[in-house]
Amino acid sequence: FSLDRSGLVDSLPSILTGVEVTDSVLCCARECLLELEGPGVRYEPIFGNSFRQIVSEVLLLAAKARNIAEDSIVEVSKDCGENLSVFDRLLTIIAGSGTPVQNDSEIEEFRKSIQHLTQSLNLLSAVFDLQKPDISANKGKPGTGSIPGTPETVEKEGVRMLTPHGRWQVLQGLAKPDIRYEGDPDLLPIQQTEVTWLVRWLYKLSCRLNTRFGDQLQEVYHEAGVRGEVSRLLLQPPCRFNRLEKSVDGGAPRRVPSRHPPRISLR
């Protein structure tokens, strides 16, 4: 910690203006700071990865709170509608409102909470350049980027890719990426339960058969009779996948959409 004598007098309160700042005053200021913050204090940049991770967790809690408030509004509205008698419902219809009387004060408090939480989510995510969690759209299924345990991702070229902050989360062990093979299904990495030389030999044999009888396999596969039903049971169905194409100038590889027709797979 350092104190600049040149700008210290101007920044001090008016009661101390004109007082000579000596070394003893600087030492006392340092001792006061150490006493308040502790000897092992360590400053972190406010826009660094560590603090952005804390903000990301706060955003997740705020999104959960907003989701709970929205569900509470639905429950309160449902309870108020069920507790009304038939006579009260007739009165509300005759009065012209068309809807049952609800606990307006409680619902209004929930709506204010949702408004404040939404504004906080928008501002924090914009200031720290983070994705806004979307828990309501990911109920009951794993999400990417905004769900606990998954790194921050962004959609590029139809696929989810890690952001710089997401890569930092993975390297620090704060999140585990959803690793899935999205390449050629016929070139799926050989597993430990498979025989390496046999898998490679069967793949080469399948490629030769598909090259020689590819047109006939497609015709039989799309037939409507018994031959078509049997071929759809035995052959691999057509599929689409992304193939990585290396860049000549040393840049990042490019994803090229590809497809397989109905084919033989002996693996």
C-alpha atoms as a PDB file:
ATOM      1  CA  PHE A   1       0.000   0.000   0.000  1.00  0.00           C
ATOM      2  CA  SER A   2       1.338   3.450  -0.846  1.00  0.00           C
ATOM      3  CA  LEU A   3       0.248   6.991  -0.014  1.00  0.00           C
ATOM      4  CA  ASP A   4       1.142   9.880  -2.287  1.00  0.00           C
ATOM      5  CA  ARG A   5       1.974  12.995  -0.341  1.00  0.00           C
ATOM      6  CA  SER A   6       1.222  15.288  -3.267  1.00  0.00           C
ATOM      7  CA  GLY A   7      -2.471  14.405  -3.514  1.00  0.00           C
ATOM      8  CA  LEU A   8      -3.053  13.381   0.083  1.00  0.00           C
ATOM      9  CA  VAL A   9      -3.771  16.825   1.534  1.00  0.00           C
ATOM     10  CA  ASP A  10      -6.420  17.598  -1.083  1.00  0.00           C
ATOM     11  CA  SER A  11      -8.211  14.305  -0.448  1.00  0.00           C
ATOM     12  CA  LEU A  12      -8.233  14.615   3.375  1.00  0.00           C
ATOM     13  CA  PRO A  13     -11.284  16.058   5.195  1.00  0.00           C
ATOM     14  CA  SER A  14     -11.471  19.818   5.491  1.00  0.00           C
ATOM     15  CA  ILE A  15     -10.646  19.760   9.231  1.00  0.00           C
ATOM     16  CA  LEU A  16      -7.171  18.408   8.424  1.00  0.00           C
ATOM     17  CA  THR A  17      -6.472  20.710   5.494  1.00  0.00           C
ATOM     18  CA  GLY A  18      -3.163  22.474   5.921  1.00  0.00           C
ATOM     19  CA  VAL A  19      -1.786  19.949   8.422  1.00  0.00           C
ATOM     20  CA  GLU A  20       1.677  18.693   7.526  1.00  0.00           C
ATOM     21  CA  VAL A  21       1.644  15.023   6.583  1.00  0.00           C
ATOM     22  CA  THR A  22       4.649  13.440   8.243  1.00  0.00           C
ATOM     23  CA  ASP A  23       6.046   9.925   8.128  1.00  0.00           C
ATOM     24  CA  SER A  24       4.377   9.158  11.446  1.00  0.00           C
ATOM     25  CA  VAL A  25       0.959   9.972   9.939  1.00  0.00           C
ATOM     26  CA  LEU A  26       1.652   7.658   7.009  1.00  0.00           C
ATOM     27  CA  CYS A  27       2.757   4.864   9.347  1.00  0.00           C
ATOM     28  CA  CYS A  28      -0.397   5.283  11.434  1.00  0.00           C
ATOM     29  CA  ALA A  29      -2.535   5.129   8.302  1.00  0.00           C
ATOM     30  CA  ARG A  30      -0.827   1.918   7.193  1.00  0.00           C
ATOM     31  CA  GLU A  31      -1.252   0.365  10.638  1.00  0.00           C
ATOM     32  CA  CYS A  32      -4.953   1.280  10.668  1.00  0.00           C
ATOM     33  CA  LEU A  33      -5.473  -0.340   7.269  1.00  0.00           C
ATOM     34  CA  LEU A  34      -3.634  -3.486   8.333  1.00  0.00           C
ATOM     35  CA  GLU A  35      -5.662  -3.631  11.529  1.00  0.00           C
ATOM     36  CA  LEU A  36      -8.942  -3.292   9.635  1.00  0.00           C
ATOM     37  CA  GLU A  37      -8.152  -5.643   6.762  1.00  0.00           C
ATOM     38  CA  GLY A  38      -5.795  -8.107   8.438  1.00  0.00           C
ATOM     39  CA  PRO A  39      -2.197  -8.998   7.619  1.00  0.00           C
ATOM     40  CA  GLY A  40      -3.064 -11.582   4.930  1.00  0.00           C
ATOM     41  CA  VAL A  41      -5.406  -9.397   2.898  1.00  0.00           C
ATOM     42  CA  ARG A  42      -5.119  -9.767  -0.839  1.00  0.00           C
ATOM     43  CA  TYR A  43      -6.802  -7.532  -3.385  1.00  0.00           C
ATOM     44  CA  GLU A  44      -8.548  -9.050  -6.396  1.00  0.00           C
ATOM     45  CA  PRO A  45      -9.374  -7.126  -9.574  1.00  0.00           C
ATOM     46  CA  ILE A  46     -13.087  -6.420  -9.676  1.00  0.00           C
ATOM     47  CA  PHE A  47     -13.332  -7.560 -13.308  1.00  0.00           C
ATOM     48  CA  GLY A  48     -11.067 -10.577 -12.833  1.00  0.00           C
ATOM     49  CA  ASN A  49     -12.177 -14.166 -13.222  1.00  0.00           C
ATOM     50  CA  SER A  50     -12.466 -14.821  -9.480  1.00  0.00           C
ATOM     51  CA  PHE A  51     -14.832 -11.932  -8.852  1.00  0.00           C
ATOM     52  CA  ARG A  52     -16.779 -12.673 -12.047  1.00  0.00           C
ATOM     53  CA  GLN A  53     -17.322 -16.191 -10.723  1.00  0.00           C
ATOM     54  CA  ILE A  54     -18.797 -14.727  -7.517  1.00  0.00           C
ATOM     55  CA  VAL A  55     -21.075 -12.478  -9.584  1.00  0.00           C
ATOM     56  CA  SER A  56     -22.083 -15.502 -11.682  1.00  0.00           C
ATOM     57  CA  GLU A  57     -23.144 -17.343  -8.516  1.00  0.00           C
ATOM     58  CA  VAL A  58     -25.091 -14.262  -7.357  1.00  0.00           C
ATOM     59  CA  LEU A  59     -26.861 -14.138 -10.727  1.00  0.00           C
ATOM     60  CA  LEU A  60     -27.802 -17.795 -10.353  1.00  0.00           C
ATOM     61  CA  LEU A  61     -29.271 -17.190  -6.884  1.00  0.00           C
ATOM     62  CA  ALA A  62     -31.189 -14.158  -8.168  1.00  0.00           C
ATOM     63  CA  ALA A  63     -32.600 -16.214 -11.057  1.00  0.00           C
ATOM     64  CA  LYS A  64     -33.706 -18.929  -8.613  1.00  0.00           C
ATOM     65  CA  ALA A  65     -35.366 -16.313  -6.409  1.00  0.00           C
ATOM     66  CA  ARG A  66     -37.200 -14.841  -9.393  1.00  0.00           C
ATOM     67  CA  ASN A  67     -38.348 -18.297 -10.419  1.00  0.00           C
ATOM     68  CA  ILE A  68     -39.681 -18.962  -6.906  1.00  0.00           C
ATOM     69  CA  ALA A  69     -41.519 -15.625  -6.906  1.00  0.00           C
ATOM     70  CA  GLU A  70     -43.174 -16.438 -10.233  1.00  0.00           C
ATOM     71  CA  ASP A  71     -44.283 -19.845  -8.951  1.00  0.00           C
ATOM     72  CA  SER A  72     -45.583 -18.219  -5.759  1.00  0.00           C
ATOM     73  CA  ILE A  73     -47.801 -15.854  -7.771  1.00  0.00           C
ATOM     74  CA  VAL A  74     -49.335 -18.824  -9.570  1.00  0.00           C
ATOM     75  CA  GLU A  75     -49.921 -20.696  -6.306  1.00  0.00           C
ATOM     76  CA  VAL A  76     -51.457 -17.682  -4.529  1.00  0.00           C
ATOM     77  CA  SER A  77     -53.760 -16.996  -7.483  1.00  0.00           C
ATOM     78  CA  LYS A  78     -54.827 -20.644  -7.603  1.00  0.00           C
ATOM     79  CA  ASP A  79     -55.499 -20.800  -3.843  1.00  0.00           C
ATOM     80  CA  CYS A  80     -57.572 -17.622  -3.914  1.00  0.00           C
ATOM     81  CA  GLY A  81     -59.668 -18.959  -6.786  1.00  0.00           C
ATOM     82  CA  GLU A  82     -60.274 -22.325  -5.106  1.00  0.00           C
ATOM     83  CA  ASN A  83     -61.252 -20.831  -1.726  1.00  0.00           C
ATOM     84  CA  LEU A  84     -64.078 -18.720  -3.181  1.00  0.00           C
ATOM     85  CA  SER A  85     -67.602 -19.994  -2.774  1.00  0.00           C
ATOM     86  CA  VAL A  86     -70.110 -20.276  -5.611  1.00  0.00           C
ATOM     87  CA  PHE A  87     -71.966 -17.177  -4.360  1.00  0.00           C
ATOM     88  CA  ASP A  88     -68.756 -15.095  -4.301  1.00  0.00           C
ATOM     89  CA  ARG A  89     -67.924 -16.178  -7.827  1.00  0.00           C
ATOM     90  CA  LEU A  90     -71.401 -15.201  -9.033  1.00  0.00           C
ATOM     91  CA  LEU A  91     -70.987 -11.782  -7.419  1.00  0.00           C
ATOM     92  CA  THR A  92     -67.671 -11.190  -9.142  1.00  0.00           C
ATOM     93  CA  ILE A  93     -69.152 -12.191 -12.512  1.00  0.00           C
ATOM     94  CA  ILE A  94     -72.225  -9.946 -12.001  1.00  0.00           C
ATOM     95  CA  ALA A  95     -70.022  -7.063 -10.872  1.00  0.00           C
ATOM     96  CA  GLY A  96     -68.283  -7.236 -14.236  1.00  0.00           C
ATOM     97  CA  SER A  97     -64.772  -8.112 -13.101  1.00  0.00           C
ATOM     98  CA  GLY A  98     -64.971 -11.627 -14.569  1.00  0.00           C
ATOM     99  CA  THR A  99     -62.146 -12.843 -12.320  1.00  0.00           C
ATOM    100  CA  PRO A 100     -62.117 -13.905  -8.667  1.00  0.00           C
ATOM    101  CA  VAL A 101     -60.925 -11.535  -5.960  1.00  0.00           C
ATOM    102  CA  GLN A 102     -57.261 -12.193  -5.167  1.00  0.00           C
ATOM    103  CA  ASN A 103     -54.856 -11.251  -2.443  1.00  0.00           C
ATOM    104  CA  ASP A 104     -53.634  -8.166  -4.299  1.00  0.00           C
ATOM    105  CA  SER A 105     -51.105  -7.031  -1.693  1.00  0.00           C
ATOM    106  CA  GLU A 106     -49.229 -10.336  -1.589  1.00  0.00           C
ATOM    107  CA  ILE A 107     -49.226 -10.712  -5.361  1.00  0.00           C
ATOM    108  CA  GLU A 108     -48.064  -7.116  -5.769  1.00  0.00           C
ATOM    109  CA  GLU A 109     -45.106  -7.769  -3.459  1.00  0.00           C
ATOM    110  CA  PHE A 110     -44.104 -10.785  -5.522  1.00  0.00           C
ATOM    111  CA  ARG A 111     -44.360  -8.732  -8.711  1.00  0.00           C
ATOM    112  CA  LYS A 112     -42.147  -6.002  -7.252  1.00  0.00           C
ATOM    113  CA  SER A 113     -39.602  -8.637  -6.246  1.00  0.00           C
ATOM    114  CA  ILE A 114     -39.615 -10.060  -9.765  1.00  0.00           C
ATOM    115  CA  GLN A 115     -39.140  -6.580 -11.219  1.00  0.00           C
ATOM    116  CA  HIS A 116     -36.179  -5.771  -8.957  1.00  0.00           C
ATOM    117  CA  LEU A 117     -34.559  -9.158  -9.500  1.00  0.00           C
ATOM    118  CA  THR A 118     -34.944  -8.880 -13.272  1.00  0.00           C
ATOM    119  CA  GLN A 119     -33.382  -5.419 -13.258  1.00  0.00           C
ATOM    120  CA  SER A 120     -30.497  -6.657 -11.105  1.00  0.00           C
ATOM    121  CA  LEU A 121     -29.910  -9.598 -13.448  1.00  0.00           C
ATOM    122  CA  ASN A 122     -29.849  -7.345 -16.504  1.00  0.00           C
ATOM    123  CA  LEU A 123     -27.479  -4.778 -14.981  1.00  0.00           C
ATOM    124  CA  LEU A 124     -25.019  -7.239 -13.416  1.00  0.00           C
ATOM    125  CA  SER A 125     -24.846  -9.396 -16.527  1.00  0.00           C
ATOM    126  CA  ALA A 126     -24.258  -6.303 -18.679  1.00  0.00           C
ATOM    127  CA  VAL A 127     -21.563  -4.791 -16.428  1.00  0.00           C
ATOM    128  CA  PHE A 128     -19.579  -8.017 -15.971  1.00  0.00           C
ATOM    129  CA  ASP A 129     -20.325  -9.421 -19.463  1.00  0.00           C
ATOM    130  CA  LEU A 130     -21.940 -12.610 -18.149  1.00  0.00           C
ATOM    131  CA  GLN A 131     -24.804 -14.719 -19.436  1.00  0.00           C
ATOM    132  CA  LYS A 132     -28.137 -14.350 -17.692  1.00  0.00           C
ATOM    133  CA  PRO A 133     -29.230 -17.672 -16.129  1.00  0.00           C
ATOM    134  CA  ASP A 134     -32.408 -19.104 -17.626  1.00  0.00           C
ATOM    135  CA  ILE A 135     -33.609 -21.630 -15.064  1.00  0.00           C
ATOM    136  CA  SER A 136     -37.264 -21.603 -16.122  1.00  0.00           C
ATOM    137  CA  ALA A 137     -36.368 -22.882 -19.601  1.00  0.00           C
ATOM    138  CA  ASN A 138     -34.145 -25.652 -18.226  1.00  0.00           C
ATOM    139  CA  LYS A 139     -36.342 -27.258 -15.586  1.00  0.00           C
ATOM    140  CA  GLY A 140     -35.743 -30.958 -15.287  1.00  0.00           C
ATOM    141  CA  LYS A 141     -32.959 -31.108 -17.888  1.00  0.00           C
ATOM    142  CA  PRO A 142     -29.303 -30.153 -17.831  1.00  0.00           C
ATOM    143  CA  GLY A 143     -28.402 -26.797 -19.280  1.00  0.00           C
ATOM    144  CA  THR A 144     -25.188 -25.156 -20.357  1.00  0.00           C
ATOM    145  CA  GLY A 145     -23.494 -22.092 -19.071  1.00  0.00           C
ATOM    146  CA  SER A 146     -26.048 -20.891 -16.536  1.00  0.00           C
ATOM    147  CA  ILE A 147     -26.724 -24.041 -14.536  1.00  0.00           C
ATOM    148  CA  PRO A 148     -24.604 -24.999 -11.495  1.00  0.00           C
ATOM    149  CA  GLY A 149     -21.701 -27.257 -12.364  1.00  0.00           C
ATOM    150  CA  THR A 150     -21.590 -26.332 -16.076  1.00  0.00           C
ATOM    151  CA  PRO A 151     -19.240 -23.735 -17.600  1.00  0.00           C
ATOM    152  CA  GLU A 152     -20.346 -20.620 -19.416  1.00  0.00           C
ATOM    153  CA  THR A 153     -20.878 -21.229 -23.115  1.00  0.00           C
ATOM    154  CA  VAL A 154     -22.039 -19.323 -26.173  1.00  0.00           C
ATOM    155  CA  GLU A 155     -23.678 -20.623 -29.347  1.00  0.00           C
ATOM    156  CA  LYS A 156     -21.517 -20.355 -32.473  1.00  0.00           C
ATOM    157  CA  GLU A 157     -22.198 -22.024 -35.799  1.00  0.00           C
ATOM    158  CA  GLY A 158     -25.018 -24.066 -34.302  1.00  0.00           C
ATOM    159  CA  VAL A 159     -22.935 -25.539 -31.447  1.00  0.00           C
ATOM    160  CA  ARG A 160     -22.198 -24.509 -27.879  1.00  0.00           C
ATOM    161  CA  MET A 161     -18.620 -23.315 -27.334  1.00  0.00           C
ATOM    162  CA  LEU A 162     -16.791 -22.257 -24.162  1.00  0.00           C
ATOM    163  CA  THR A 163     -16.322 -18.567 -23.491  1.00  0.00           C
ATOM    164  CA  PRO A 164     -13.010 -17.293 -21.998  1.00  0.00           C
ATOM    165  CA  HIS A 165     -14.669 -17.259 -18.585  1.00  0.00           C
ATOM    166  CA  GLY A 166     -16.011 -20.769 -19.210  1.00  0.00           C
ATOM    167  CA  ARG A 167     -12.507 -22.023 -19.992  1.00  0.00           C
ATOM    168  CA  TRP A 168     -11.270 -20.431 -16.771  1.00  0.00           C
ATOM    169  CA  GLN A 169     -14.064 -22.197 -14.847  1.00  0.00           C
ATOM    170  CA  VAL A 170     -12.993 -25.546 -16.281  1.00  0.00           C
ATOM    171  CA  LEU A 171      -9.286 -24.955 -15.573  1.00  0.00           C
ATOM    172  CA  GLN A 172     -10.037 -23.941 -11.971  1.00  0.00           C
ATOM    173  CA  GLY A 173     -12.232 -26.997 -11.417  1.00  0.00           C
ATOM    174  CA  LEU A 174     -15.326 -24.861 -10.735  1.00  0.00           C
ATOM    175  CA  ALA A 175     -17.350 -26.423 -13.556  1.00  0.00           C
ATOM    176  CA  LYS A 176     -17.345 -29.635 -15.533  1.00  0.00           C
ATOM    177  CA  PRO A 177     -18.017 -29.413 -19.265  1.00  0.00           C
ATOM    178  CA  ASP A 178     -20.563 -31.620 -20.973  1.00  0.00           C
ATOM    179  CA  ILE A 179     -18.206 -33.621 -23.192  1.00  0.00           C
ATOM    180  CA  ARG A 180     -19.977 -35.347 -26.057  1.00  0.00           C
ATOM    181  CA  TYR A 181     -18.737 -36.764 -29.319  1.00  0.00           C
ATOM    182  CA  GLU A 182     -20.344 -34.837 -32.186  1.00  0.00           C
ATOM    183  CA  GLY A 183     -18.197 -36.014 -35.088  1.00  0.00           C
ATOM    184  CA  ASP A 184     -18.568 -38.877 -37.532  1.00  0.00           C
ATOM    185  CA  PRO A 185     -20.444 -41.680 -35.706  1.00  0.00           C
ATOM    186  CA  ASP A 186     -18.565 -44.276 -37.753  1.00  0.00           C
ATOM    187  CA  LEU A 187     -15.276 -42.880 -36.428  1.00  0.00           C
ATOM    188  CA  LEU A 188     -16.280 -42.966 -32.773  1.00  0.00           C
ATOM    189  CA  PRO A 189     -13.140 -43.371 -30.603  1.00  0.00           C
ATOM    190  CA  ILE A 190     -12.328 -46.985 -29.815  1.00  0.00           C
ATOM    191  CA  GLN A 191     -13.411 -47.891 -26.301  1.00  0.00           C
ATOM    192  CA  GLN A 192     -11.602 -50.076 -23.789  1.00  0.00           C
ATOM    193  CA  THR A 193     -14.144 -52.886 -24.215  1.00  0.00           C
ATOM    194  CA  GLU A 194     -13.392 -53.157 -27.957  1.00  0.00           C
ATOM    195  CA  VAL A 195     -10.569 -54.891 -29.806  1.00  0.00           C
ATOM    196  CA  THR A 196      -8.570 -52.232 -31.640  1.00  0.00           C
ATOM    197  CA  TRP A 197      -7.405 -54.200 -34.675  1.00  0.00           C
ATOM    198  CA  LEU A 198     -10.833 -55.809 -35.149  1.00  0.00           C
ATOM    199  CA  VAL A 199     -12.638 -52.434 -35.052  1.00  0.00           C
ATOM    200  CA  ARG A 200     -10.304 -50.978 -37.671  1.00  0.00           C
ATOM    201  CA  TRP A 201     -10.614 -54.021 -39.938  1.00  0.00           C
ATOM    202  CA  LEU A 202     -14.428 -54.012 -39.722  1.00  0.00           C
ATOM    203  CA  TYR A 203     -14.496 -50.282 -40.485  1.00  0.00           C
ATOM    204  CA  LYS A 204     -12.422 -50.758 -43.645  1.00  0.00           C
ATOM    205  CA  LEU A 205     -14.630 -53.658 -44.721  1.00  0.00           C
ATOM    206  CA  SER A 206     -17.766 -51.549 -44.128  1.00  0.00           C
ATOM    207  CA  CYS A 207     -16.330 -48.694 -46.202  1.00  0.00           C
ATOM    208  CA  ARG A 208     -15.631 -51.042 -49.121  1.00  0.00           C
ATOM    209  CA  LEU A 209     -19.128 -52.510 -49.001  1.00  0.00           C
ATOM    210  CA  ASN A 210     -20.741 -49.070 -48.795  1.00  0.00           C
ATOM    211  CA  THR A 211     -18.636 -47.789 -51.702  1.00  0.00           C
ATOM    212  CA  ARG A 212     -19.597 -50.755 -53.895  1.00  0.00           C
ATOM    213  CA  PHE A 213     -23.270 -51.178 -52.937  1.00  0.00           C
ATOM    214  CA  GLY A 214     -24.129 -47.654 -51.723  1.00  0.00           C
ATOM    215  CA  ASP A 215     -26.762 -46.878 -54.372  1.00  0.00           C
ATOM    216  CA  GLN A 216     -28.529 -50.235 -53.950  1.00  0.00           C
ATOM    217  CA  LEU A 217     -28.556 -49.830 -50.142  1.00  0.00           C
ATOM    218  CA  GLN A 218     -30.251 -46.436 -50.406  1.00  0.00           C
ATOM    219  CA  GLU A 219     -32.932 -47.770 -52.754  1.00  0.00           C
ATOM    220  CA  VAL A 220     -33.680 -50.767 -50.548  1.00  0.00           C
ATOM    221  CA  TYR A 221     -33.679 -48.652 -47.383  1.00  0.00           C
ATOM    222  CA  HIS A 222     -36.430 -46.356 -48.694  1.00  0.00           C
ATOM    223  CA  GLU A 223     -38.638 -49.153 -50.021  1.00  0.00           C
ATOM    224  CA  ALA A 224     -42.066 -49.656 -48.452  1.00  0.00           C
ATOM    225  CA  GLY A 225     -42.206 -53.444 -48.570  1.00  0.00           C
ATOM    226  CA  VAL A 226     -40.708 -56.210 -46.471  1.00  0.00           C
ATOM    227  CA  ARG A 227     -37.238 -55.613 -47.916  1.00  0.00           C
ATOM    228  CA  GLY A 228     -37.409 -52.021 -46.762  1.00  0.00           C
ATOM    229  CA  GLU A 229     -38.471 -52.996 -43.240  1.00  0.00           C
ATOM    230  CA  VAL A 230     -35.645 -55.527 -42.943  1.00  0.00           C
ATOM    231  CA  SER A 231     -33.057 -53.114 -44.350  1.00  0.00           C
ATOM    232  CA  ARG A 232     -34.103 -50.391 -41.880  1.00  0.00           C
ATOM    233  CA  LEU A 233     -33.503 -52.880 -39.069  1.00  0.00           C
ATOM    234  CA  LEU A 234     -30.064 -53.958 -40.310  1.00  0.00           C
ATOM    235  CA  LEU A 235     -28.609 -50.783 -41.832  1.00  0.00           C
ATOM    236  CA  GLN A 236     -27.526 -47.645 -40.022  1.00  0.00           C
ATOM    237  CA  PRO A 237     -29.997 -44.785 -40.614  1.00  0.00           C
ATOM    238  CA  PRO A 238     -28.905 -41.570 -42.363  1.00  0.00           C
ATOM    239  CA  CYS A 239     -27.440 -38.994 -40.023  1.00  0.00           C
ATOM    240  CA  ARG A 240     -25.931 -35.505 -39.963  1.00  0.00           C
ATOM    241  CA  PHE A 241     -22.769 -34.494 -38.097  1.00  0.00           C
ATOM    242  CA  ASN A 242     -20.062 -31.824 -38.007  1.00  0.00           C
ATOM    243  CA  ARG A 243     -16.638 -32.535 -39.437  1.00  0.00           C
ATOM    244  CA  LEU A 244     -13.623 -30.501 -38.343  1.00  0.00           C
ATOM    245  CA  GLU A 245     -11.603 -29.077 -41.201  1.00  0.00           C
ATOM    246  CA  LYS A 246      -8.122 -27.869 -40.287  1.00  0.00           C
ATOM    247  CA  SER A 247      -7.136 -24.386 -41.383  1.00  0.00           C
ATOM    248  CA  VAL A 248      -4.188 -24.012 -43.770  1.00  0.00           C
ATOM    249  CA  ASP A 249      -3.014 -20.717 -42.225  1.00  0.00           C
ATOM    250  CA  GLY A 250      -2.821 -22.208 -38.720  1.00  0.00           C
ATOM    251  CA  GLY A 251      -6.084 -20.755 -37.441  1.00  0.00           C
ATOM    252  CA  ALA A 252      -8.869 -22.481 -35.543  1.00  0.00           C
ATOM    253  CA  PRO A 253     -10.426 -25.533 -37.245  1.00  0.00           C
ATOM    254  CA  ARG A 254     -13.696 -24.967 -39.089  1.00  0.00           C
ATOM    255  CA  ARG A 255     -16.845 -27.053 -38.561  1.00  0.00           C
ATOM    256  CA  VAL A 256     -18.200 -28.413 -41.826  1.00  0.00           C
ATOM    257  CA  PRO A 257     -21.712 -29.958 -41.839  1.00  0.00           C
ATOM    258  CA  SER A 258     -21.708 -33.476 -43.298  1.00  0.00           C
ATOM    259  CA  ARG A 259     -24.134 -36.386 -43.639  1.00  0.00           C
ATOM    260  CA  HIS A 260     -24.136 -40.148 -44.072  1.00  0.00           C
ATOM    261  CA  PRO A 261     -26.682 -42.029 -46.216  1.00  0.00           C
ATOM    262  CA  PRO A 262     -28.069 -45.402 -45.127  1.00  0.00           C
ATOM    263  CA  ARG A 263     -25.024 -47.642 -44.790  1.00  0.00           C
ATOM    264  CA  ILE A 264     -23.515 -50.852 -43.462  1.00  0.00           C
ATOM    265  CA  SER A 265     -21.736 -50.667 -40.114  1.00  0.00           C
ATOM    266  CA  LEU A 266     -20.108 -53.924 -38.963  1.00  0.00           C
ATOM    267  CA  ARG A 267     -18.642 -52.455 -35.815  1.00  0.00           C
END
